[in-house]
Full PDB file with SEQRES, HELIX, SHEET, SSBOND, CRYST1, ORIGX, SCALE, CONECT and MASTER records, all heavy atoms in Angstrom:
SEQRES   1 A   37  SER VAL SER LYS ARG LEU SER VAL VAL SER ARG LEU PRO          
SEQRES   2 A   37  PHE ILE GLN GLU GLN LEU PHE ALA LEU PHE ASP LEU VAL          
SEQRES   3 A   37  PRO GLY LEU GLU TYR CYS ASP VAL GLN ARG ASP                  
HELIX    1 AA1 GLN A   16  PHE A   23  1                                   8    
CRYST1    1.000    1.000    1.000  90.00  90.00  90.00 P 1           1          
ORIGX1      1.000000  0.000000  0.000000        0.00000                         
ORIGX2      0.000000  1.000000  0.000000        0.00000                         
ORIGX3      0.000000  0.000000  1.000000        0.00000                         
SCALE1      1.000000  0.000000  0.000000        0.00000                         
SCALE2      0.000000  1.000000  0.000000        0.00000                         
SCALE3      0.000000  0.000000  1.000000        0.00000                         
ATOM      1  N   SER A   1     -23.585 -34.881 -75.880  1.00  0.00           N  
ATOM      2  CA  SER A   1     -22.403 -33.941 -75.988  1.00  0.00           C  
ATOM      3  C   SER A   1     -22.617 -33.074 -77.226  1.00  0.00           C  
ATOM      4  O   SER A   1     -22.823 -33.555 -78.327  1.00  0.00           O  
ATOM      5  CB  SER A   1     -21.134 -34.760 -76.175  1.00  0.00           C  
ATOM      6  OG  SER A   1     -20.030 -33.924 -76.342  1.00  0.00           O  
ATOM      7  N   VAL A   2     -22.563 -31.756 -77.019  1.00  0.00           N  
ATOM      8  CA  VAL A   2     -22.821 -30.834 -78.091  1.00  0.00           C  
ATOM      9  C   VAL A   2     -21.537 -30.267 -78.651  1.00  0.00           C  
ATOM     10  O   VAL A   2     -20.490 -30.308 -78.017  1.00  0.00           O  
ATOM     11  CB  VAL A   2     -23.759 -29.670 -77.670  1.00  0.00           C  
ATOM     12  CG1 VAL A   2     -25.063 -30.200 -77.116  1.00  0.00           C  
ATOM     13  CG2 VAL A   2     -23.071 -28.812 -76.626  1.00  0.00           C  
ATOM     14  N   SER A   3     -21.618 -29.689 -79.872  1.00  0.00           N  
ATOM     15  CA  SER A   3     -20.470 -29.028 -80.441  1.00  0.00           C  
ATOM     16  C   SER A   3     -20.992 -28.071 -81.503  1.00  0.00           C  
ATOM     17  O   SER A   3     -22.169 -27.902 -81.720  1.00  0.00           O  
ATOM     18  CB  SER A   3     -19.587 -30.059 -81.153  1.00  0.00           C  
ATOM     19  OG  SER A   3     -20.135 -30.561 -82.339  1.00  0.00           O  
ATOM     20  N   LYS A   4     -20.082 -27.350 -82.132  1.00  0.00           N  
ATOM     21  CA  LYS A   4     -20.419 -26.352 -83.163  1.00  0.00           C  
ATOM     22  C   LYS A   4     -20.619 -27.031 -84.518  1.00  0.00           C  
ATOM     23  O   LYS A   4     -21.063 -26.402 -85.493  1.00  0.00           O  
ATOM     24  CB  LYS A   4     -19.311 -25.300 -83.311  1.00  0.00           C  
ATOM     25  CG  LYS A   4     -19.034 -24.540 -82.013  1.00  0.00           C  
ATOM     26  CD  LYS A   4     -17.830 -23.617 -82.225  1.00  0.00           C  
ATOM     27  CE  LYS A   4     -17.429 -22.995 -80.922  1.00  0.00           C  
ATOM     28  NZ  LYS A   4     -16.198 -22.139 -81.072  1.00  0.00           N  
ATOM     29  N   ARG A   5     -20.314 -28.341 -84.578  1.00  0.00           N  
ATOM     30  CA  ARG A   5     -20.324 -29.036 -85.893  1.00  0.00           C  
ATOM     31  C   ARG A   5     -21.420 -30.059 -85.957  1.00  0.00           C  
ATOM     32  O   ARG A   5     -21.664 -30.768 -84.952  1.00  0.00           O  
ATOM     33  CB  ARG A   5     -18.939 -29.668 -86.113  1.00  0.00           C  
ATOM     34  CG  ARG A   5     -18.730 -30.218 -87.553  1.00  0.00           C  
ATOM     35  CD  ARG A   5     -17.343 -30.749 -87.695  1.00  0.00           C  
ATOM     36  NE  ARG A   5     -16.340 -29.743 -87.476  1.00  0.00           N  
ATOM     37  CZ  ARG A   5     -15.042 -29.931 -87.270  1.00  0.00           C  
ATOM     38  NH1 ARG A   5     -14.588 -31.218 -87.225  1.00  0.00           N  
ATOM     39  NH2 ARG A   5     -14.198 -28.980 -87.075  1.00  0.00           N  
ATOM     40  N   LEU A   6     -22.094 -30.174 -87.080  1.00  0.00           N  
ATOM     41  CA  LEU A   6     -23.225 -31.100 -87.249  1.00  0.00           C  
ATOM     42  C   LEU A   6     -22.972 -32.005 -88.441  1.00  0.00           C  
ATOM     43  O   LEU A   6     -22.360 -31.639 -89.437  1.00  0.00           O  
ATOM     44  CB  LEU A   6     -24.553 -30.344 -87.418  1.00  0.00           C  
ATOM     45  CG  LEU A   6     -25.014 -29.375 -86.345  1.00  0.00           C  
ATOM     46  CD1 LEU A   6     -26.147 -28.537 -86.850  1.00  0.00           C  
ATOM     47  CD2 LEU A   6     -25.361 -30.140 -85.127  1.00  0.00           C  
ATOM     48  N   SER A   7     -23.505 -33.210 -88.319  1.00  0.00           N  
ATOM     49  CA  SER A   7     -23.518 -34.162 -89.475  1.00  0.00           C  
ATOM     50  C   SER A   7     -24.982 -34.256 -89.932  1.00  0.00           C  
ATOM     51  O   SER A   7     -25.868 -34.419 -89.150  1.00  0.00           O  
ATOM     52  CB  SER A   7     -23.060 -35.544 -89.043  1.00  0.00           C  
ATOM     53  OG  SER A   7     -23.246 -36.498 -90.061  1.00  0.00           O  
ATOM     54  N   VAL A   8     -25.163 -34.078 -91.259  1.00  0.00           N  
ATOM     55  CA  VAL A   8     -26.479 -34.176 -91.819  1.00  0.00           C  
ATOM     56  C   VAL A   8     -26.551 -35.304 -92.845  1.00  0.00           C  
ATOM     57  O   VAL A   8     -25.700 -35.404 -93.698  1.00  0.00           O  
ATOM     58  CB  VAL A   8     -26.867 -32.829 -92.565  1.00  0.00           C  
ATOM     59  CG1 VAL A   8     -28.317 -32.881 -93.008  1.00  0.00           C  
ATOM     60  CG2 VAL A   8     -26.613 -31.619 -91.622  1.00  0.00           C  
ATOM     61  N   VAL A   9     -27.501 -36.168 -92.679  1.00  0.00           N  
ATOM     62  CA  VAL A   9     -27.665 -37.358 -93.524  1.00  0.00           C  
ATOM     63  C   VAL A   9     -29.056 -37.439 -94.079  1.00  0.00           C  
ATOM     64  O   VAL A   9     -30.032 -37.189 -93.377  1.00  0.00           O  
ATOM     65  CB  VAL A   9     -27.305 -38.631 -92.739  1.00  0.00           C  
ATOM     66  CG1 VAL A   9     -27.416 -39.882 -93.659  1.00  0.00           C  
ATOM     67  CG2 VAL A   9     -25.873 -38.574 -92.175  1.00  0.00           C  
ATOM     68  N   SER A  10     -29.181 -37.888 -95.344  1.00  0.00           N  
ATOM     69  CA  SER A  10     -30.449 -38.114 -95.927  1.00  0.00           C  
ATOM     70  C   SER A  10     -30.356 -39.229 -96.959  1.00  0.00           C  
ATOM     71  O   SER A  10     -29.240 -39.607 -97.331  1.00  0.00           O  
ATOM     72  CB  SER A  10     -31.040 -36.844 -96.613  1.00  0.00           C  
ATOM     73  OG  SER A  10     -30.549 -36.736 -97.927  1.00  0.00           O  
ATOM     74  N   ARG A  11     -31.509 -39.787 -97.346  1.00  0.00           N  
ATOM     75  CA  ARG A  11     -31.432 -40.889 -98.338  1.00  0.00           C  
ATOM     76  C   ARG A  11     -31.335 -40.386 -99.752  1.00  0.00           C  
ATOM     77  O   ARG A  11     -31.153 -41.153-100.666  1.00  0.00           O  
ATOM     78  CB  ARG A  11     -32.678 -41.777 -98.192  1.00  0.00           C  
ATOM     79  CG  ARG A  11     -33.983 -41.087 -98.328  1.00  0.00           C  
ATOM     80  CD  ARG A  11     -35.142 -41.998 -98.033  1.00  0.00           C  
ATOM     81  NE  ARG A  11     -36.453 -41.309 -98.126  1.00  0.00           N  
ATOM     82  CZ  ARG A  11     -37.113 -41.097 -99.242  1.00  0.00           C  
ATOM     83  NH1 ARG A  11     -36.558 -41.481-100.439  1.00  0.00           N  
ATOM     84  NH2 ARG A  11     -38.255 -40.460 -99.264  1.00  0.00           N  
ATOM     85  N   LEU A  12     -31.454 -39.062 -99.948  1.00  0.00           N  
ATOM     86  CA  LEU A  12     -31.266 -38.444-101.268  1.00  0.00           C  
ATOM     87  C   LEU A  12     -30.010 -37.602-101.248  1.00  0.00           C  
ATOM     88  O   LEU A  12     -29.641 -37.027-100.207  1.00  0.00           O  
ATOM     89  CB  LEU A  12     -32.459 -37.582-101.651  1.00  0.00           C  
ATOM     90  CG  LEU A  12     -33.803 -38.317-101.790  1.00  0.00           C  
ATOM     91  CD1 LEU A  12     -34.915 -37.263-102.135  1.00  0.00           C  
ATOM     92  CD2 LEU A  12     -33.719 -39.361-102.906  1.00  0.00           C  
ATOM     93  N   PRO A  13     -29.342 -37.488-102.400  1.00  0.00           N  
ATOM     94  CA  PRO A  13     -28.099 -36.652-102.416  1.00  0.00           C  
ATOM     95  C   PRO A  13     -28.460 -35.159-102.216  1.00  0.00           C  
ATOM     96  O   PRO A  13     -29.557 -34.707-102.557  1.00  0.00           O  
ATOM     97  CB  PRO A  13     -27.548 -36.881-103.833  1.00  0.00           C  
ATOM     98  CG  PRO A  13     -28.705 -37.362-104.628  1.00  0.00           C  
ATOM     99  CD  PRO A  13     -29.570 -38.110-103.705  1.00  0.00           C  
ATOM    100  N   PHE A  14     -27.492 -34.397-101.678  1.00  0.00           N  
ATOM    101  CA  PHE A  14     -27.678 -33.001-101.410  1.00  0.00           C  
ATOM    102  C   PHE A  14     -27.152 -32.168-102.586  1.00  0.00           C  
ATOM    103  O   PHE A  14     -26.234 -32.540-103.249  1.00  0.00           O  
ATOM    104  CB  PHE A  14     -26.939 -32.531-100.166  1.00  0.00           C  
ATOM    105  CG  PHE A  14     -27.491 -33.144 -98.883  1.00  0.00           C  
ATOM    106  CD1 PHE A  14     -26.644 -33.739 -97.966  1.00  0.00           C  
ATOM    107  CD2 PHE A  14     -28.827 -33.027 -98.579  1.00  0.00           C  
ATOM    108  CE1 PHE A  14     -27.121 -34.256 -96.788  1.00  0.00           C  
ATOM    109  CE2 PHE A  14     -29.325 -33.548 -97.436  1.00  0.00           C  
ATOM    110  CZ  PHE A  14     -28.454 -34.173 -96.518  1.00  0.00           C  
ATOM    111  N   ILE A  15     -27.759 -31.001-102.753  1.00  0.00           N  
ATOM    112  CA  ILE A  15     -27.221 -29.954-103.647  1.00  0.00           C  
ATOM    113  C   ILE A  15     -26.645 -28.903-102.753  1.00  0.00           C  
ATOM    114  O   ILE A  15     -27.278 -28.368-101.861  1.00  0.00           O  
ATOM    115  CB  ILE A  15     -28.345 -29.360-104.566  1.00  0.00           C  
ATOM    116  CG1 ILE A  15     -28.897 -30.463-105.462  1.00  0.00           C  
ATOM    117  CG2 ILE A  15     -27.776 -28.190-105.366  1.00  0.00           C  
ATOM    118  CD1 ILE A  15     -30.112 -29.976-106.254  1.00  0.00           C  
ATOM    119  N   GLN A  16     -25.323 -28.656-102.931  1.00  0.00           N  
ATOM    120  CA  GLN A  16     -24.541 -27.759-102.057  1.00  0.00           C  
ATOM    121  C   GLN A  16     -25.276 -26.443-101.791  1.00  0.00           C  
ATOM    122  O   GLN A  16     -25.461 -26.047-100.643  1.00  0.00           O  
ATOM    123  CB  GLN A  16     -23.200 -27.525-102.682  1.00  0.00           C  
ATOM    124  CG  GLN A  16     -22.331 -26.505-101.959  1.00  0.00           C  
ATOM    125  CD  GLN A  16     -21.591 -27.050-100.773  1.00  0.00           C  
ATOM    126  OE1 GLN A  16     -21.269 -28.258-100.733  1.00  0.00           O  
ATOM    127  NE2 GLN A  16     -21.322 -26.222 -99.796  1.00  0.00           N  
ATOM    128  N   GLU A  17     -25.679 -25.761-102.834  1.00  0.00           N  
ATOM    129  CA  GLU A  17     -26.307 -24.448-102.664  1.00  0.00           C  
ATOM    130  C   GLU A  17     -27.595 -24.486-101.890  1.00  0.00           C  
ATOM    131  O   GLU A  17     -27.853 -23.614-101.059  1.00  0.00           O  
ATOM    132  CB  GLU A  17     -26.529 -23.818-104.040  1.00  0.00           C  
ATOM    133  CG  GLU A  17     -25.255 -23.437-104.819  1.00  0.00           C  
ATOM    134  CD  GLU A  17     -24.660 -24.675-105.471  1.00  0.00           C  
ATOM    135  OE1 GLU A  17     -25.315 -25.759-105.515  1.00  0.00           O  
ATOM    136  OE2 GLU A  17     -23.511 -24.580-105.966  1.00  0.00           O  
ATOM    137  N   GLN A  18     -28.382 -25.482-102.135  1.00  0.00           N  
ATOM    138  CA  GLN A  18     -29.677 -25.629-101.458  1.00  0.00           C  
ATOM    139  C   GLN A  18     -29.490 -25.910 -99.947  1.00  0.00           C  
ATOM    140  O   GLN A  18     -30.191 -25.330 -99.132  1.00  0.00           O  
ATOM    141  CB  GLN A  18     -30.550 -26.694-102.088  1.00  0.00           C  
ATOM    142  CG  GLN A  18     -30.985 -26.322-103.505  1.00  0.00           C  
ATOM    143  CD  GLN A  18     -31.847 -27.410-104.153  1.00  0.00           C  
ATOM    144  OE1 GLN A  18     -31.982 -28.510-103.631  1.00  0.00           O  
ATOM    145  NE2 GLN A  18     -32.427 -27.088-105.276  1.00  0.00           N  
ATOM    146  N   LEU A  19     -28.599 -26.844 -99.641  1.00  0.00           N  
ATOM    147  CA  LEU A  19     -28.361 -27.197 -98.265  1.00  0.00           C  
ATOM    148  C   LEU A  19     -27.756 -25.986 -97.501  1.00  0.00           C  
ATOM    149  O   LEU A  19     -28.131 -25.726 -96.335  1.00  0.00           O  
ATOM    150  CB  LEU A  19     -27.441 -28.373 -98.142  1.00  0.00           C  
ATOM    151  CG  LEU A  19     -27.423 -29.085 -96.768  1.00  0.00           C  
ATOM    152  CD1 LEU A  19     -28.756 -29.730 -96.473  1.00  0.00           C  
ATOM    153  CD2 LEU A  19     -26.312 -30.126 -96.668  1.00  0.00           C  
ATOM    154  N   PHE A  20     -26.827 -25.285 -98.149  1.00  0.00           N  
ATOM    155  CA  PHE A  20     -26.215 -24.082 -97.494  1.00  0.00           C  
ATOM    156  C   PHE A  20     -27.312 -23.093 -97.221  1.00  0.00           C  
ATOM    157  O   PHE A  20     -27.354 -22.520 -96.090  1.00  0.00           O  
ATOM    158  CB  PHE A  20     -25.195 -23.485 -98.446  1.00  0.00           C  
ATOM    159  CG  PHE A  20     -24.441 -22.327 -97.877  1.00  0.00           C  
ATOM    160  CD1 PHE A  20     -23.234 -22.474 -97.236  1.00  0.00           C  
ATOM    161  CD2 PHE A  20     -25.011 -21.026 -97.917  1.00  0.00           C  
ATOM    162  CE1 PHE A  20     -22.564 -21.413 -96.690  1.00  0.00           C  
ATOM    163  CE2 PHE A  20     -24.325 -19.918 -97.358  1.00  0.00           C  
ATOM    164  CZ  PHE A  20     -23.093 -20.156 -96.729  1.00  0.00           C  
ATOM    165  N   ALA A  21     -28.193 -22.852 -98.180  1.00  0.00           N  
ATOM    166  CA  ALA A  21     -29.295 -21.841 -97.968  1.00  0.00           C  
ATOM    167  C   ALA A  21     -30.195 -22.236 -96.815  1.00  0.00           C  
ATOM    168  O   ALA A  21     -30.650 -21.413 -96.018  1.00  0.00           O  
ATOM    169  CB  ALA A  21     -30.089 -21.696 -99.249  1.00  0.00           C  
ATOM    170  N   LEU A  22     -30.472 -23.549 -96.660  1.00  0.00           N  
ATOM    171  CA  LEU A  22     -31.333 -24.015 -95.589  1.00  0.00           C  
ATOM    172  C   LEU A  22     -30.670 -23.805 -94.200  1.00  0.00           C  
ATOM    173  O   LEU A  22     -31.310 -23.216 -93.305  1.00  0.00           O  
ATOM    174  CB  LEU A  22     -31.619 -25.535 -95.797  1.00  0.00           C  
ATOM    175  CG  LEU A  22     -32.479 -26.197 -94.665  1.00  0.00           C  
ATOM    176  CD1 LEU A  22     -33.875 -25.591 -94.637  1.00  0.00           C  
ATOM    177  CD2 LEU A  22     -32.565 -27.694 -94.880  1.00  0.00           C  
ATOM    178  N   PHE A  23     -29.434 -24.189 -94.044  1.00  0.00           N  
ATOM    179  CA  PHE A  23     -28.788 -24.061 -92.752  1.00  0.00           C  
ATOM    180  C   PHE A  23     -28.313 -22.623 -92.480  1.00  0.00           C  
ATOM    181  O   PHE A  23     -28.063 -22.284 -91.331  1.00  0.00           O  
ATOM    182  CB  PHE A  23     -27.655 -25.080 -92.614  1.00  0.00           C  
ATOM    183  CG  PHE A  23     -28.099 -26.471 -92.301  1.00  0.00           C  
ATOM    184  CD1 PHE A  23     -28.558 -27.352 -93.276  1.00  0.00           C  
ATOM    185  CD2 PHE A  23     -28.110 -26.891 -90.953  1.00  0.00           C  
ATOM    186  CE1 PHE A  23     -28.986 -28.575 -92.979  1.00  0.00           C  
ATOM    187  CE2 PHE A  23     -28.539 -28.168 -90.638  1.00  0.00           C  
ATOM    188  CZ  PHE A  23     -29.013 -29.045 -91.636  1.00  0.00           C  
ATOM    189  N   ASP A  24     -28.200 -21.825 -93.525  1.00  0.00           N  
ATOM    190  CA  ASP A  24     -27.850 -20.430 -93.315  1.00  0.00           C  
ATOM    191  C   ASP A  24     -28.975 -19.607 -92.731  1.00  0.00           C  
ATOM    192  O   ASP A  24     -28.788 -18.464 -92.362  1.00  0.00           O  
ATOM    193  CB  ASP A  24     -27.378 -19.819 -94.650  1.00  0.00           C  
ATOM    194  CG  ASP A  24     -26.615 -18.522 -94.510  1.00  0.00           C  
ATOM    195  OD1 ASP A  24     -25.900 -18.394 -93.466  1.00  0.00           O  
ATOM    196  OD2 ASP A  24     -26.675 -17.670 -95.363  1.00  0.00           O  
ATOM    197  N   LEU A  25     -30.191 -20.173 -92.650  1.00  0.00           N  
ATOM    198  CA  LEU A  25     -31.310 -19.519 -91.991  1.00  0.00           C  
ATOM    199  C   LEU A  25     -31.016 -19.344 -90.493  1.00  0.00           C  
ATOM    200  O   LEU A  25     -31.547 -18.403 -89.844  1.00  0.00           O  
ATOM    201  CB  LEU A  25     -32.581 -20.313 -92.178  1.00  0.00           C  
ATOM    202  CG  LEU A  25     -33.151 -20.343 -93.601  1.00  0.00           C  
ATOM    203  CD1 LEU A  25     -34.320 -21.285 -93.711  1.00  0.00           C  
ATOM    204  CD2 LEU A  25     -33.580 -18.954 -94.019  1.00  0.00           C  
ATOM    205  N   VAL A  26     -30.180 -20.172 -89.937  1.00  0.00           N  
ATOM    206  CA  VAL A  26     -29.746 -20.029 -88.534  1.00  0.00           C  
ATOM    207  C   VAL A  26     -28.492 -19.179 -88.565  1.00  0.00           C  
ATOM    208  O   VAL A  26     -27.512 -19.520 -89.231  1.00  0.00           O  
ATOM    209  CB  VAL A  26     -29.465 -21.386 -87.890  1.00  0.00           C  
ATOM    210  CG1 VAL A  26     -28.957 -21.208 -86.478  1.00  0.00           C  
ATOM    211  CG2 VAL A  26     -30.737 -22.258 -87.883  1.00  0.00           C  
ATOM    212  N   PRO A  27     -28.426 -18.078 -87.830  1.00  0.00           N  
ATOM    213  CA  PRO A  27     -27.259 -17.184 -87.804  1.00  0.00           C  
ATOM    214  C   PRO A  27     -25.991 -17.908 -87.408  1.00  0.00           C  
ATOM    215  O   PRO A  27     -25.984 -18.772 -86.529  1.00  0.00           O  
ATOM    216  CB  PRO A  27     -27.629 -16.124 -86.792  1.00  0.00           C  
ATOM    217  CG  PRO A  27     -29.135 -16.116 -86.733  1.00  0.00           C  
ATOM    218  CD  PRO A  27     -29.551 -17.569 -86.946  1.00  0.00           C  
ATOM    219  N   GLY A  28     -24.889 -17.538 -88.024  1.00  0.00           N  
ATOM    220  CA  GLY A  28     -23.601 -18.029 -87.618  1.00  0.00           C  
ATOM    221  C   GLY A  28     -23.004 -19.168 -88.390  1.00  0.00           C  
ATOM    222  O   GLY A  28     -22.019 -19.799 -88.010  1.00  0.00           O  
ATOM    223  N   LEU A  29     -23.613 -19.502 -89.569  1.00  0.00           N  
ATOM    224  CA  LEU A  29     -23.073 -20.604 -90.372  1.00  0.00           C  
ATOM    225  C   LEU A  29     -21.668 -20.261 -90.919  1.00  0.00           C  
ATOM    226  O   LEU A  29     -21.493 -19.216 -91.529  1.00  0.00           O  
ATOM    227  CB  LEU A  29     -24.030 -20.901 -91.559  1.00  0.00           C  
ATOM    228  CG  LEU A  29     -23.573 -22.051 -92.494  1.00  0.00           C  
ATOM    229  CD1 LEU A  29     -23.580 -23.385 -91.757  1.00  0.00           C  
ATOM    230  CD2 LEU A  29     -24.457 -22.114 -93.703  1.00  0.00           C  
ATOM    231  N   GLU A  30     -20.715 -21.141 -90.630  1.00  0.00           N  
ATOM    232  CA  GLU A  30     -19.325 -20.932 -91.107  1.00  0.00           C  
ATOM    233  C   GLU A  30     -19.047 -21.669 -92.361  1.00  0.00           C  
ATOM    234  O   GLU A  30     -18.428 -21.130 -93.306  1.00  0.00           O  
ATOM    235  CB  GLU A  30     -18.346 -21.334 -89.999  1.00  0.00           C  
ATOM    236  CG  GLU A  30     -18.339 -20.401 -88.793  1.00  0.00           C  
ATOM    237  CD  GLU A  30     -17.203 -20.657 -87.841  1.00  0.00           C  
ATOM    238  OE1 GLU A  30     -16.717 -21.826 -87.781  1.00  0.00           O  
ATOM    239  OE2 GLU A  30     -16.806 -19.742 -87.159  1.00  0.00           O  
ATOM    240  N   TYR A  31     -19.435 -22.931 -92.452  1.00  0.00           N  
ATOM    241  CA  TYR A  31     -19.292 -23.637 -93.734  1.00  0.00           C  
ATOM    242  C   TYR A  31     -20.233 -24.799 -93.849  1.00  0.00           C  
ATOM    243  O   TYR A  31     -20.769 -25.298 -92.817  1.00  0.00           O  
ATOM    244  CB  TYR A  31     -17.851 -24.119 -93.946  1.00  0.00           C  
ATOM    245  CG  TYR A  31     -17.386 -25.248 -93.076  1.00  0.00           C  
ATOM    246  CD1 TYR A  31     -17.711 -26.557 -93.315  1.00  0.00           C  
ATOM    247  CD2 TYR A  31     -16.499 -25.003 -92.033  1.00  0.00           C  
ATOM    248  CE1 TYR A  31     -17.257 -27.611 -92.572  1.00  0.00           C  
ATOM    249  CE2 TYR A  31     -16.045 -26.002 -91.222  1.00  0.00           C  
ATOM    250  CZ  TYR A  31     -16.409 -27.332 -91.516  1.00  0.00           C  
ATOM    251  OH  TYR A  31     -15.937 -28.368 -90.712  1.00  0.00           O  
ATOM    252  N   CYS A  32     -20.509 -25.254 -95.063  1.00  0.00           N  
ATOM    253  CA  CYS A  32     -21.383 -26.397 -95.375  1.00  0.00           C  
ATOM    254  C   CYS A  32     -20.571 -27.227 -96.397  1.00  0.00           C  
ATOM    255  O   CYS A  32     -20.373 -26.767 -97.509  1.00  0.00           O  
ATOM    256  CB  CYS A  32     -22.697 -25.902 -95.940  1.00  0.00           C  
ATOM    257  SG  CYS A  32     -23.720 -27.228 -96.656  1.00  0.00           S  
ATOM    258  N   ASP A  33     -20.193 -28.413 -96.028  1.00  0.00           N  
ATOM    259  CA  ASP A  33     -19.433 -29.280 -96.913  1.00  0.00           C  
ATOM    260  C   ASP A  33     -20.189 -30.523 -97.253  1.00  0.00           C  
ATOM    261  O   ASP A  33     -20.412 -31.410 -96.434  1.00  0.00           O  
ATOM    262  CB  ASP A  33     -18.094 -29.672 -96.163  1.00  0.00           C  
ATOM    263  CG  ASP A  33     -17.247 -30.549 -97.016  1.00  0.00           C  
ATOM    264  OD1 ASP A  33     -17.359 -30.501 -98.278  1.00  0.00           O  
ATOM    265  OD2 ASP A  33     -16.404 -31.330 -96.463  1.00  0.00           O  
ATOM    266  N   VAL A  34     -20.705 -30.610 -98.497  1.00  0.00           N  
ATOM    267  CA  VAL A  34     -21.417 -31.739 -98.983  1.00  0.00           C  
ATOM    268  C   VAL A  34     -20.415 -32.836 -99.447  1.00  0.00           C  
ATOM    269  O   VAL A  34     -19.557 -32.519-100.268  1.00  0.00           O  
ATOM    270  CB  VAL A  34     -22.383 -31.329-100.138  1.00  0.00           C  
ATOM    271  CG1 VAL A  34     -22.968 -32.599-100.766  1.00  0.00           C  
ATOM    272  CG2 VAL A  34     -23.480 -30.434 -99.593  1.00  0.00           C  
ATOM    273  N   GLN A  35     -20.585 -34.011 -98.883  1.00  0.00           N  
ATOM    274  CA  GLN A  35     -19.679 -35.154 -99.221  1.00  0.00           C  
ATOM    275  C   GLN A  35     -20.465 -36.153-100.036  1.00  0.00           C  
ATOM    276  O   GLN A  35     -21.551 -36.540 -99.685  1.00  0.00           O  
ATOM    277  CB  GLN A  35     -19.107 -35.726 -97.922  1.00  0.00           C  
ATOM    278  CG  GLN A  35     -18.342 -34.666 -97.128  1.00  0.00           C  
ATOM    279  CD  GLN A  35     -17.940 -35.176 -95.759  1.00  0.00           C  
ATOM    280  OE1 GLN A  35     -18.325 -36.285 -95.359  1.00  0.00           O  
ATOM    281  NE2 GLN A  35     -17.183 -34.368 -95.001  1.00  0.00           N  
ATOM    282  N   ARG A  36     -19.851 -36.623-101.126  1.00  0.00           N  
ATOM    283  CA  ARG A  36     -20.531 -37.551-102.011  1.00  0.00           C  
ATOM    284  C   ARG A  36     -19.911 -38.926-101.923  1.00  0.00           C  
ATOM    285  O   ARG A  36     -18.717 -39.101-101.888  1.00  0.00           O  
ATOM    286  CB  ARG A  36     -20.425 -37.045-103.462  1.00  0.00           C  
ATOM    287  CG  ARG A  36     -20.979 -35.660-103.633  1.00  0.00           C  
ATOM    288  CD  ARG A  36     -21.058 -35.214-105.097  1.00  0.00           C  
ATOM    289  NE  ARG A  36     -21.489 -33.858-105.223  1.00  0.00           N  
ATOM    290  CZ  ARG A  36     -22.717 -33.467-105.131  1.00  0.00           C  
ATOM    291  NH1 ARG A  36     -23.724 -34.296-104.934  1.00  0.00           N  
ATOM    292  NH2 ARG A  36     -23.091 -32.163-105.279  1.00  0.00           N  
ATOM    293  N   ASP A  37     -20.784 -39.939-101.824  1.00  0.00           N  
ATOM    294  CA  ASP A  37     -20.383 -41.308-101.771  1.00  0.00           C  
ATOM    295  C   ASP A  37     -20.712 -41.948-103.142  1.00  0.00           C  
ATOM    296  O   ASP A  37     -21.839 -42.054-103.521  1.00  0.00           O  
ATOM    297  CB  ASP A  37     -21.142 -42.078-100.685  1.00  0.00           C  
ATOM    298  CG  ASP A  37     -20.675 -43.523-100.514  1.00  0.00           C  
ATOM    299  OD1 ASP A  37     -20.000 -44.012-101.418  1.00  0.00           O  
ATOM    300  OD2 ASP A  37     -20.966 -44.137 -99.499  1.00  0.00           O  
TER     301      ASP A  37                                                      
MASTER        0    0    0    1    0    0    0    6  300    1    0    3          
END                                                                             
């Protein structure tokens, strides 16, 4: 089942600006929300 929203997980913490820049390479990015545990 597909949707417009994705979950991204890694074993290292994300840096908001870097992850945004990576996924913004695909046209149509609306938002990137990094969540910290």
